[in-house]
Amino acid sequence: MSGPVDRPGRAWTWRGDALLLDLDGTLVDSAAAIERHTHAWAARHGLDGATVVAASHGRRDVEVVRLVAPGADVAREVAWLHRLSCDDTEDVVAVPGAAALLDALAPRVWAVVTSAAREVALARLAAAGLPVPRRLVCAEDVVRGKPDPAGFHAGARLLRADPRRCLVLEDSAAGVAAGRSAGATVLGVGPERVPTAHHRVADLRPVSARSRGHEVEVVVAPAATPASGTARDLREVVA
């Protein structure tokens, strides 16, 4: 059986073919760095930093620049942000439990799907001490970013997996929406409560994975917090 199994007071279990993992906020904690860089960029343009930070969550830099600074030289501004993001990774660290989860997964069954540019993603993975995946879908690999499902469709293709038999791990509303639109089961990660995720964890410490024949089994310890609306969403997926 594939898909999630949810029983009150017991572990949440998913079985399927592959995992598609977001990067920032899911595998690496880069929130402080992103906020610092975004405020610096906003100040260059006389924009409110908090507003730009709110607009950027889960989105590619190119889409954020177009949204908050119409008429700006998008390529130049994105290049400025990328240079700063690559040069300043001092406080980028792994999300608790990320290293153990990736270590338990065979390289053939997981991919990272991120809104970050490739050079930025590689810099943050290195800063956090996490392995570089064999399959990495970045901002420049898709025409439309999250909440469009194109990135997750691309990741599933690279793994030769059906998106409907994939588990997406995401921290943002845009990412959860993209995963749901791709047809995947979505595990929300982090403090943001996204009610459309099938289940939710504060970090990756309660999450374990193992191979079962041709399938991957992911188990979330029962202490983890479910997303609101979980029972309804699970019925939709399992039915």
Protein backbone atom coordinates (compact mmCIF):
# COMPACT_ATOMS: atom_id res chain seq x y z
CA MET A 1 0.00 0.00 0.00
CA SER A 2 1.24 3.50 -0.76
CA GLY A 3 0.18 6.77 0.77
CA PRO A 4 -0.16 7.84 4.40
CA VAL A 5 -1.65 5.87 7.25
CA ASP A 6 -2.90 7.90 10.21
CA ARG A 7 -4.12 6.36 13.46
CA PRO A 8 -4.75 8.45 16.58
CA GLY A 9 -1.94 8.08 19.12
CA ARG A 10 0.19 6.03 16.74
CA ALA A 11 2.96 6.77 14.29
CA TRP A 12 2.08 8.39 10.95
CA THR A 13 3.34 6.16 8.14
CA TRP A 14 3.80 6.75 4.43
CA ARG A 15 4.96 4.26 1.80
CA GLY A 16 5.79 5.06 -1.79
CA ASP A 17 8.58 5.39 -4.32
CA ALA A 18 10.54 8.57 -3.62
CA LEU A 19 11.00 11.71 -1.52
CA LEU A 20 11.07 15.25 -2.92
CA LEU A 21 12.55 17.61 -0.37
CA ASP A 22 12.53 21.38 -0.23
CA LEU A 23 15.78 22.97 0.94
CA ASP A 24 15.40 26.23 2.87
CA GLY A 25 13.35 25.72 6.02
CA THR A 26 13.07 21.98 5.41
CA LEU A 27 16.63 20.63 5.25
CA VAL A 28 18.57 23.77 6.15
CA ASP A 29 17.74 26.58 8.55
CA SER A 30 18.68 29.63 6.51
CA ALA A 31 15.96 31.93 7.83
CA ALA A 32 18.28 34.43 9.51
CA ALA A 33 20.54 34.65 6.47
CA ILE A 34 17.65 35.04 4.02
CA GLU A 35 16.05 37.74 6.17
CA ARG A 36 19.36 39.59 6.46
CA HIS A 37 20.00 39.44 2.71
CA THR A 38 16.43 40.42 1.84
CA HIS A 39 16.48 43.42 4.17
CA ALA A 40 19.79 44.54 2.64
CA TRP A 41 18.38 44.26 -0.87
CA ALA A 42 15.14 46.02 0.10
CA ALA A 43 17.09 48.91 1.62
CA ARG A 44 18.88 49.42 -1.70
CA HIS A 45 15.51 50.08 -3.30
CA GLY A 46 13.78 51.96 -0.50
CA LEU A 47 11.40 49.07 0.16
CA ASP A 48 10.06 47.77 3.45
CA GLY A 49 12.18 44.77 4.38
CA ALA A 50 9.48 42.93 6.30
CA THR A 51 7.10 43.17 3.35
CA VAL A 52 9.70 41.78 0.96
CA VAL A 53 10.58 38.95 3.36
CA ALA A 54 6.90 37.98 3.60
CA ALA A 55 6.60 37.97 -0.20
CA SER A 56 9.72 35.84 -0.64
CA HIS A 57 8.76 32.75 1.37
CA GLY A 58 8.89 29.74 -0.93
CA ARG A 59 9.38 31.84 -4.08
CA ARG A 60 12.29 32.23 -6.47
CA ASP A 61 14.28 35.48 -6.30
CA VAL A 62 13.32 36.32 -9.88
CA GLU A 63 9.63 36.22 -8.97
CA VAL A 64 10.13 38.26 -5.81
CA VAL A 65 12.00 41.00 -7.68
CA ARG A 66 9.30 41.17 -10.34
CA LEU A 67 6.61 41.31 -7.67
CA VAL A 68 8.03 43.99 -5.36
CA ALA A 69 10.19 46.03 -7.74
CA PRO A 70 8.43 46.31 -11.11
CA GLY A 71 10.68 47.88 -13.69
CA ALA A 72 13.92 46.81 -11.98
CA ASP A 73 16.68 45.09 -13.95
CA VAL A 74 15.69 41.61 -12.82
CA ALA A 75 18.85 39.82 -13.96
CA ARG A 76 21.12 42.35 -12.24
CA GLU A 77 19.15 42.35 -8.98
CA VAL A 78 18.93 38.56 -8.83
CA ALA A 79 22.68 38.29 -9.47
CA TRP A 80 23.30 40.71 -6.57
CA LEU A 81 21.16 38.60 -4.25
CA HIS A 82 22.85 35.39 -5.35
CA ARG A 83 26.34 36.76 -4.72
CA LEU A 84 25.36 37.86 -1.23
CA SER A 85 23.66 34.53 -0.49
CA CYS A 86 26.73 32.55 -1.56
CA ASP A 87 29.18 34.77 0.32
CA ASP A 88 27.22 34.97 3.58
CA THR A 89 26.34 31.50 4.91
CA GLU A 90 27.81 31.87 8.39
CA ASP A 91 24.63 31.01 10.32
CA VAL A 92 23.16 28.49 7.85
CA VAL A 93 22.78 25.15 9.67
CA ALA A 94 21.04 21.83 9.12
CA VAL A 95 17.48 21.47 10.40
CA PRO A 96 17.58 19.04 13.36
CA GLY A 97 17.21 15.49 12.07
CA ALA A 98 18.03 16.34 8.43
CA ALA A 99 21.42 14.62 8.33
CA ALA A 100 20.08 11.41 9.87
CA LEU A 101 17.11 11.30 7.49
CA LEU A 102 19.25 11.77 4.38
CA ASP A 103 21.77 9.22 5.64
CA ALA A 104 18.97 6.63 5.86
CA LEU A 105 17.88 7.19 2.26
CA ALA A 106 19.45 5.55 -0.79
CA PRO A 107 20.60 8.29 -3.22
CA ARG A 108 18.28 6.95 -5.92
CA VAL A 109 15.09 7.66 -3.96
CA TRP A 110 15.40 11.34 -3.05
CA ALA A 111 15.82 14.68 -4.74
CA VAL A 112 15.94 18.28 -3.58
CA VAL A 113 13.47 20.68 -5.22
CA THR A 114 14.26 24.26 -4.24
CA SER A 115 13.37 27.82 -5.18
CA ALA A 116 17.02 28.76 -4.65
CA ALA A 117 19.49 29.10 -7.51
CA ARG A 118 21.87 26.18 -7.94
CA GLU A 119 24.93 28.06 -6.71
CA VAL A 120 23.03 29.24 -3.63
CA ALA A 121 21.63 25.77 -2.91
CA LEU A 122 25.09 24.21 -3.12
CA ALA A 123 26.55 26.90 -0.84
CA ARG A 124 23.86 26.32 1.79
CA LEU A 125 24.16 22.53 1.65
CA ALA A 126 27.91 22.88 2.18
CA ALA A 127 27.46 25.34 5.05
CA ALA A 128 25.00 22.98 6.73
CA GLY A 129 27.23 19.94 6.24
CA LEU A 130 24.61 18.05 4.24
CA PRO A 131 25.26 15.85 1.19
CA VAL A 132 24.68 17.11 -2.33
CA PRO A 133 21.86 15.06 -3.87
CA ARG A 134 22.32 13.25 -7.15
CA ARG A 135 19.13 14.93 -8.32
CA LEU A 136 18.71 18.66 -7.68
CA VAL A 137 15.98 20.86 -9.17
CA CYS A 138 16.71 24.57 -8.73
CA ALA A 139 15.24 27.94 -9.65
CA GLU A 140 16.81 28.02 -13.10
CA ASP A 141 15.50 24.55 -13.99
CA VAL A 142 11.83 25.58 -14.21
CA VAL A 143 9.91 28.31 -16.00
CA ARG A 144 7.45 28.77 -13.13
CA GLY A 145 8.30 28.44 -9.46
CA LYS A 146 6.21 27.28 -6.51
CA PRO A 147 3.21 27.17 -6.04
CA ASP A 148 3.36 25.81 -9.59
CA PRO A 149 4.06 22.04 -9.41
CA ALA A 150 6.63 22.11 -12.24
CA GLY A 151 9.60 21.66 -9.89
CA PHE A 152 8.13 18.60 -8.20
CA HIS A 153 7.13 17.11 -11.54
CA ALA A 154 10.74 17.61 -12.68
CA GLY A 155 12.11 16.00 -9.52
CA ALA A 156 9.83 12.99 -9.92
CA ARG A 157 10.93 12.58 -13.54
CA LEU A 158 14.59 12.63 -12.53
CA LEU A 159 13.86 9.83 -10.05
CA ARG A 160 11.66 7.99 -12.58
CA ALA A 161 8.83 8.10 -10.06
CA ASP A 162 5.13 8.84 -10.29
CA PRO A 163 4.50 12.11 -8.37
CA ARG A 164 1.44 10.47 -6.84
CA ARG A 165 3.78 7.97 -5.16
CA CYS A 166 6.13 10.65 -3.85
CA LEU A 167 6.33 12.30 -0.44
CA VAL A 168 7.04 16.03 -0.55
CA LEU A 169 8.63 17.68 2.50
CA GLU A 170 7.94 21.42 2.57
CA ASP A 171 7.87 24.34 4.98
CA SER A 172 6.00 27.05 3.03
CA ALA A 173 2.42 27.50 1.90
CA ALA A 174 3.62 27.92 -1.70
CA GLY A 175 5.61 24.70 -1.49
CA VAL A 176 2.78 22.72 0.09
CA ALA A 177 0.43 23.96 -2.63
CA ALA A 178 2.94 22.90 -5.29
CA GLY A 179 3.27 19.44 -3.78
CA ARG A 180 -0.47 18.98 -3.56
CA SER A 181 -0.91 20.18 -7.15
CA ALA A 182 1.69 17.63 -8.26
CA GLY A 183 -0.46 14.90 -6.71
CA ALA A 184 2.01 14.04 -3.96
CA THR A 185 1.49 13.47 -0.26
CA VAL A 186 2.91 16.45 1.66
CA LEU A 187 4.62 16.47 5.04
CA GLY A 188 4.84 20.01 6.41
CA VAL A 189 8.06 20.90 8.24
CA GLY A 190 8.67 23.81 10.60
CA PRO A 191 6.67 26.26 12.68
CA GLU A 192 4.34 27.49 9.95
CA ARG A 193 0.97 25.73 10.12
CA VAL A 194 -0.14 25.00 6.57
CA PRO A 195 -3.52 23.25 6.92
CA THR A 196 -3.36 21.65 3.47
CA ALA A 197 -0.32 19.53 4.41
CA HIS A 198 -1.26 15.94 5.17
CA HIS A 199 0.82 15.93 8.34
CA ARG A 200 3.24 18.27 10.09
CA VAL A 201 6.44 18.13 12.14
CA ALA A 202 8.36 20.91 13.88
CA ASP A 203 11.65 19.54 12.55
CA LEU A 204 12.95 16.27 11.13
CA ARG A 205 13.95 14.51 14.35
CA PRO A 206 10.69 12.50 14.57
CA VAL A 207 11.02 11.39 10.93
CA SER A 208 12.70 8.10 10.02
CA ALA A 209 12.96 6.25 6.72
CA ARG A 210 13.90 2.81 5.45
CA SER A 211 13.66 0.75 2.27
CA ARG A 212 11.02 -1.97 2.07
CA GLY A 213 11.63 -3.90 -1.13
CA HIS A 214 11.00 -1.47 -3.98
CA GLU A 215 9.26 1.02 -1.68
CA VAL A 216 10.41 3.63 0.79
CA GLU A 217 8.72 3.76 4.17
CA VAL A 218 8.68 6.99 6.15
CA VAL A 219 7.51 6.98 9.76
CA VAL A 220 6.76 10.04 11.89
CA ALA A 221 6.83 9.38 15.63
CA PRO A 222 3.42 9.96 17.28
CA ALA A 223 4.59 12.96 19.31
CA ALA A 224 4.79 15.01 16.10
CA THR A 225 1.99 17.53 15.53
CA PRO A 226 -0.57 16.73 12.81
CA ALA A 227 -1.77 19.43 10.47
CA SER A 228 -5.32 20.62 10.92
CA GLY A 229 -7.70 18.91 8.52
CA THR A 230 -5.43 15.84 8.38
CA ALA A 231 -8.18 13.24 8.60
CA ARG A 232 -10.10 14.74 5.69
CA ASP A 233 -6.98 15.03 3.53
CA LEU A 234 -5.90 11.47 4.31
CA ARG A 235 -9.26 10.11 3.23
CA GLU A 236 -8.82 11.96 -0.07
CA VAL A 237 -5.38 10.41 -0.67
CA VAL A 238 -6.02 6.86 0.50
CA ALA A 239 -9.43 6.46 -1.13
